[in-house]
Amino acid sequence: MARGKGKIPPKPAKQHLPSKICPVCDRPFTWRKKWAKDWDQVRYCSEACKGMPKVRRL
């Protein structure tokens, strides 16, 4: 069964997903399904940015 033609709802277009700017690397990152429950608390784009020492952060 194809998406959107039956019981399976169509996925949202990727350009319509919410996004944020990482405070460490200043790059935009978009919403991911694994962040669905706590998107408001997500601050960093990756574990690498999250673990970067405060001295090296911009």
PDB file of N, CA and C in Angstrom:
ATOM      1  N   MET A   1       0.849  -1.179   0.000  1.00  0.00           N
ATOM      2  CA  MET A   1       0.000   0.000   0.000  1.00  0.00           C
ATOM      3  C   MET A   1       0.895   1.244   0.000  1.00  0.00           C
ATOM      4  N   ALA A   2       0.645   2.116  -0.919  1.00  0.00           N
ATOM      5  CA  ALA A   2       1.449   3.336  -1.044  1.00  0.00           C
ATOM      6  C   ALA A   2       1.047   4.359   0.009  1.00  0.00           C
ATOM      7  N   ARG A   3       1.995   5.145   0.437  1.00  0.00           N
ATOM      8  CA  ARG A   3       1.748   6.187   1.422  1.00  0.00           C
ATOM      9  C   ARG A   3       0.795   7.238   0.857  1.00  0.00           C
ATOM     10  N   GLY A   4      -0.206   7.606   1.637  1.00  0.00           N
ATOM     11  CA  GLY A   4      -1.142   8.631   1.214  1.00  0.00           C
ATOM     12  C   GLY A   4      -2.336   8.106   0.439  1.00  0.00           C
ATOM     13  N   LYS A   5      -2.377   6.811   0.165  1.00  0.00           N
ATOM     14  CA  LYS A   5      -3.481   6.260  -0.617  1.00  0.00           C
ATOM     15  C   LYS A   5      -4.325   5.280   0.185  1.00  0.00           C
ATOM     16  N   GLY A   6      -4.066   5.176   1.472  1.00  0.00           N
ATOM     17  CA  GLY A   6      -4.824   4.236   2.280  1.00  0.00           C
ATOM     18  C   GLY A   6      -4.826   4.642   3.736  1.00  0.00           C
ATOM     19  N   LYS A   7      -4.529   3.694   4.609  1.00  0.00           N
ATOM     20  CA  LYS A   7      -4.567   3.942   6.044  1.00  0.00           C
ATOM     21  C   LYS A   7      -3.313   4.628   6.574  1.00  0.00           C
ATOM     22  N   ILE A   8      -2.213   4.569   5.848  1.00  0.00           N
ATOM     23  CA  ILE A   8      -0.970   5.183   6.301  1.00  0.00           C
ATOM     24  C   ILE A   8      -0.983   6.667   5.928  1.00  0.00           C
ATOM     25  N   PRO A   9      -0.901   7.560   6.939  1.00  0.00           N
ATOM     26  CA  PRO A   9      -0.918   8.996   6.611  1.00  0.00           C
ATOM     27  C   PRO A   9       0.380   9.421   5.931  1.00  0.00           C
ATOM     28  N   PRO A  10       0.318  10.431   5.077  1.00  0.00           N
ATOM     29  CA  PRO A  10       1.539  10.894   4.410  1.00  0.00           C
ATOM     30  C   PRO A  10       2.485  11.561   5.400  1.00  0.00           C
ATOM     31  N   LYS A  11       3.777  11.438   5.155  1.00  0.00           N
ATOM     32  CA  LYS A  11       4.783  12.076   5.998  1.00  0.00           C
ATOM     33  C   LYS A  11       4.809  13.572   5.703  1.00  0.00           C
ATOM     34  N   PRO A  12       5.169  14.394   6.712  1.00  0.00           N
ATOM     35  CA  PRO A  12       5.288  15.832   6.438  1.00  0.00           C
ATOM     36  C   PRO A  12       6.493  16.093   5.539  1.00  0.00           C
ATOM     37  N   ALA A  13       6.388  17.114   4.721  1.00  0.00           N
ATOM     38  CA  ALA A  13       7.500  17.474   3.851  1.00  0.00           C
ATOM     39  C   ALA A  13       8.668  17.935   4.712  1.00  0.00           C
ATOM     40  N   LYS A  14       9.889  17.554   4.339  1.00  0.00           N
ATOM     41  CA  LYS A  14      11.053  17.873   5.164  1.00  0.00           C
ATOM     42  C   LYS A  14      11.282  19.372   5.307  1.00  0.00           C
ATOM     43  N   GLN A  15      10.898  20.168   4.348  1.00  0.00           N
ATOM     44  CA  GLN A  15      11.114  21.606   4.457  1.00  0.00           C
ATOM     45  C   GLN A  15      10.170  22.250   5.475  1.00  0.00           C
ATOM     46  N   HIS A  16       9.163  21.508   5.947  1.00  0.00           N
ATOM     47  CA  HIS A  16       8.210  22.053   6.909  1.00  0.00           C
ATOM     48  C   HIS A  16       8.503  21.619   8.341  1.00  0.00           C
ATOM     49  N   LEU A  17       9.612  20.917   8.579  1.00  0.00           N
ATOM     50  CA  LEU A  17       9.965  20.503   9.930  1.00  0.00           C
ATOM     51  C   LEU A  17      10.576  21.685  10.689  1.00  0.00           C
ATOM     52  N   PRO A  18      10.335  21.759  12.011  1.00  0.00           N
ATOM     53  CA  PRO A  18      10.923  22.849  12.784  1.00  0.00           C
ATOM     54  C   PRO A  18      12.440  22.722  12.842  1.00  0.00           C
ATOM     55  N   SER A  19      13.109  23.840  13.015  1.00  0.00           N
ATOM     56  CA  SER A  19      14.563  23.812  13.093  1.00  0.00           C
ATOM     57  C   SER A  19      15.049  24.770  14.176  1.00  0.00           C
ATOM     58  N   LYS A  20      16.308  24.586  14.582  1.00  0.00           N
ATOM     59  CA  LYS A  20      16.966  25.430  15.580  1.00  0.00           C
ATOM     60  C   LYS A  20      18.396  25.669  15.123  1.00  0.00           C
ATOM     61  N   ILE A  21      19.066  26.609  15.772  1.00  0.00           N
ATOM     62  CA  ILE A  21      20.476  26.892  15.512  1.00  0.00           C
ATOM     63  C   ILE A  21      21.288  26.390  16.701  1.00  0.00           C
ATOM     64  N   CYS A  22      22.320  25.613  16.441  1.00  0.00           N
ATOM     65  CA  CYS A  22      23.184  25.092  17.488  1.00  0.00           C
ATOM     66  C   CYS A  22      24.016  26.243  18.055  1.00  0.00           C
ATOM     67  N   PRO A  23      24.036  26.431  19.387  1.00  0.00           N
ATOM     68  CA  PRO A  23      24.791  27.543  19.973  1.00  0.00           C
ATOM     69  C   PRO A  23      26.308  27.357  19.910  1.00  0.00           C
ATOM     70  N   VAL A  24      26.788  26.149  19.635  1.00  0.00           N
ATOM     71  CA  VAL A  24      28.222  25.880  19.584  1.00  0.00           C
ATOM     72  C   VAL A  24      28.773  26.111  18.187  1.00  0.00           C
ATOM     73  N   CYS A  25      28.166  25.461  17.184  1.00  0.00           N
ATOM     74  CA  CYS A  25      28.708  25.542  15.824  1.00  0.00           C
ATOM     75  C   CYS A  25      27.932  26.504  14.925  1.00  0.00           C
ATOM     76  N   ASP A  26      26.838  27.082  15.416  1.00  0.00           N
ATOM     77  CA  ASP A  26      26.000  28.032  14.665  1.00  0.00           C
ATOM     78  C   ASP A  26      25.433  27.450  13.375  1.00  0.00           C
ATOM     79  N   ARG A  27      25.229  26.151  13.338  1.00  0.00           N
ATOM     80  CA  ARG A  27      24.620  25.507  12.169  1.00  0.00           C
ATOM     81  C   ARG A  27      23.170  25.176  12.478  1.00  0.00           C
ATOM     82  N   PRO A  28      22.302  25.263  11.476  1.00  0.00           N
ATOM     83  CA  PRO A  28      20.906  24.876  11.703  1.00  0.00           C
ATOM     84  C   PRO A  28      20.768  23.358  11.757  1.00  0.00           C
ATOM     85  N   PHE A  29      19.868  22.888  12.600  1.00  0.00           N
ATOM     86  CA  PHE A  29      19.533  21.471  12.619  1.00  0.00           C
ATOM     87  C   PHE A  29      18.029  21.343  12.734  1.00  0.00           C
ATOM     88  N   THR A  30      17.481  20.306  12.129  1.00  0.00           N
ATOM     89  CA  THR A  30      16.032  20.141  12.064  1.00  0.00           C
ATOM     90  C   THR A  30      15.552  19.060  13.023  1.00  0.00           C
ATOM     91  N   TRP A  31      14.271  19.082  13.271  1.00  0.00           N
ATOM     92  CA  TRP A  31      13.581  18.148  14.146  1.00  0.00           C
ATOM     93  C   TRP A  31      13.816  16.721  13.684  1.00  0.00           C
ATOM     94  N   ARG A  32      14.015  15.834  14.651  1.00  0.00           N
ATOM     95  CA  ARG A  32      14.148  14.409  14.377  1.00  0.00           C
ATOM     96  C   ARG A  32      13.127  13.663  15.227  1.00  0.00           C
ATOM     97  N   LYS A  33      12.681  12.517  14.725  1.00  0.00           N
ATOM     98  CA  LYS A  33      11.652  11.763  15.422  1.00  0.00           C
ATOM     99  C   LYS A  33      12.070  11.387  16.842  1.00  0.00           C
ATOM    100  N   LYS A  34      13.354  11.072  17.043  1.00  0.00           N
ATOM    101  CA  LYS A  34      13.807  10.685  18.383  1.00  0.00           C
ATOM    102  C   LYS A  34      13.759  11.848  19.368  1.00  0.00           C
ATOM    103  N   TRP A  35      13.646  13.087  18.870  1.00  0.00           N
ATOM    104  CA  TRP A  35      13.529  14.262  19.728  1.00  0.00           C
ATOM    105  C   TRP A  35      12.077  14.705  19.909  1.00  0.00           C
ATOM    106  N   ALA A  36      11.132  13.935  19.427  1.00  0.00           N
ATOM    107  CA  ALA A  36       9.722  14.346  19.422  1.00  0.00           C
ATOM    108  C   ALA A  36       9.200  14.698  20.819  1.00  0.00           C
ATOM    109  N   LYS A  37       9.549  13.912  21.824  1.00  0.00           N
ATOM    110  CA  LYS A  37       9.019  14.146  23.170  1.00  0.00           C
ATOM    111  C   LYS A  37       9.669  15.315  23.885  1.00  0.00           C
ATOM    112  N   ASP A  38      10.927  15.632  23.538  1.00  0.00           N
ATOM    113  CA  ASP A  38      11.611  16.704  24.255  1.00  0.00           C
ATOM    114  C   ASP A  38      12.282  17.709  23.329  1.00  0.00           C
ATOM    115  N   TRP A  39      11.647  18.054  22.239  1.00  0.00           N
ATOM    116  CA  TRP A  39      12.193  19.021  21.281  1.00  0.00           C
ATOM    117  C   TRP A  39      12.481  20.362  21.951  1.00  0.00           C
ATOM    118  N   ASP A  40      11.672  20.756  22.920  1.00  0.00           N
ATOM    119  CA  ASP A  40      11.876  22.041  23.599  1.00  0.00           C
ATOM    120  C   ASP A  40      13.184  22.071  24.406  1.00  0.00           C
ATOM    121  N   GLN A  41      13.654  20.906  24.867  1.00  0.00           N
ATOM    122  CA  GLN A  41      14.882  20.851  25.652  1.00  0.00           C
ATOM    123  C   GLN A  41      16.128  20.623  24.800  1.00  0.00           C
ATOM    124  N   VAL A  42      15.965  20.273  23.523  1.00  0.00           N
ATOM    125  CA  VAL A  42      17.118  20.018  22.658  1.00  0.00           C
ATOM    126  C   VAL A  42      17.819  21.345  22.371  1.00  0.00           C
ATOM    127  N   ARG A  43      19.142  21.393  22.639  1.00  0.00           N
ATOM    128  CA  ARG A  43      19.905  22.624  22.432  1.00  0.00           C
ATOM    129  C   ARG A  43      21.026  22.462  21.419  1.00  0.00           C
ATOM    130  N   TYR A  44      21.586  21.256  21.321  1.00  0.00           N
ATOM    131  CA  TYR A  44      22.761  21.026  20.481  1.00  0.00           C
ATOM    132  C   TYR A  44      22.432  20.113  19.314  1.00  0.00           C
ATOM    133  N   CYS A  45      23.165  20.275  18.228  1.00  0.00           N
ATOM    134  CA  CYS A  45      22.908  19.491  17.023  1.00  0.00           C
ATOM    135  C   CYS A  45      23.461  18.075  17.107  1.00  0.00           C
ATOM    136  N   SER A  46      24.460  17.858  17.981  1.00  0.00           N
ATOM    137  CA  SER A  46      25.090  16.543  18.057  1.00  0.00           C
ATOM    138  C   SER A  46      25.719  16.330  19.427  1.00  0.00           C
ATOM    139  N   GLU A  47      26.106  15.091  19.666  1.00  0.00           N
ATOM    140  CA  GLU A  47      26.812  14.768  20.901  1.00  0.00           C
ATOM    141  C   GLU A  47      28.173  15.470  20.930  1.00  0.00           C
ATOM    142  N   ALA A  48      28.788  15.653  19.772  1.00  0.00           N
ATOM    143  CA  ALA A  48      30.086  16.330  19.703  1.00  0.00           C
ATOM    144  C   ALA A  48      29.972  17.774  20.198  1.00  0.00           C
ATOM    145  N   CYS A  49      28.940  18.482  19.758  1.00  0.00           N
ATOM    146  CA  CYS A  49      28.751  19.864  20.217  1.00  0.00           C
ATOM    147  C   CYS A  49      28.364  19.901  21.694  1.00  0.00           C
ATOM    148  N   LYS A  50      27.577  18.937  22.122  1.00  0.00           N
ATOM    149  CA  LYS A  50      27.156  18.884  23.513  1.00  0.00           C
ATOM    150  C   LYS A  50      28.344  18.645  24.440  1.00  0.00           C
ATOM    151  N   GLY A  51      29.309  17.853  24.001  1.00  0.00           N
ATOM    152  CA  GLY A  51      30.440  17.517  24.843  1.00  0.00           C
ATOM    153  C   GLY A  51      31.624  18.439  24.711  1.00  0.00           C
ATOM    154  N   MET A  52      31.538  19.439  23.849  1.00  0.00           N
ATOM    155  CA  MET A  52      32.663  20.344  23.654  1.00  0.00           C
ATOM    156  C   MET A  52      32.901  21.172  24.917  1.00  0.00           C
ATOM    157  N   PRO A  53      34.152  21.318  25.338  1.00  0.00           N
ATOM    158  CA  PRO A  53      34.432  22.118  26.544  1.00  0.00           C
ATOM    159  C   PRO A  53      33.955  23.563  26.383  1.00  0.00           C
ATOM    160  N   LYS A  54      33.526  24.163  27.478  1.00  0.00           N
ATOM    161  CA  LYS A  54      33.002  25.528  27.420  1.00  0.00           C
ATOM    162  C   LYS A  54      34.037  26.528  26.940  1.00  0.00           C
ATOM    163  N   VAL A  55      35.303  26.233  27.138  1.00  0.00           N
ATOM    164  CA  VAL A  55      36.379  27.140  26.705  1.00  0.00           C
ATOM    165  C   VAL A  55      36.406  27.268  25.184  1.00  0.00           C
ATOM    166  N   ARG A  56      36.110  26.172  24.484  1.00  0.00           N
ATOM    167  CA  ARG A  56      36.180  26.163  23.025  1.00  0.00           C
ATOM    168  C   ARG A  56      34.879  26.633  22.370  1.00  0.00           C
ATOM    169  N   ARG A  57      33.803  26.713  23.120  1.00  0.00           N
ATOM    170  CA  ARG A  57      32.525  27.163  22.569  1.00  0.00           C
ATOM    171  C   ARG A  57      32.611  28.630  22.198  1.00  0.00           C
ATOM    172  N   LEU A  58      31.918  28.994  21.143  1.00  0.00           N
ATOM    173  CA  LEU A  58      31.940  30.386  20.671  1.00  0.00           C
ATOM    174  C   LEU A  58      31.028  31.264  21.473  1.00  0.00           C
TER     175      LEU A  58
END
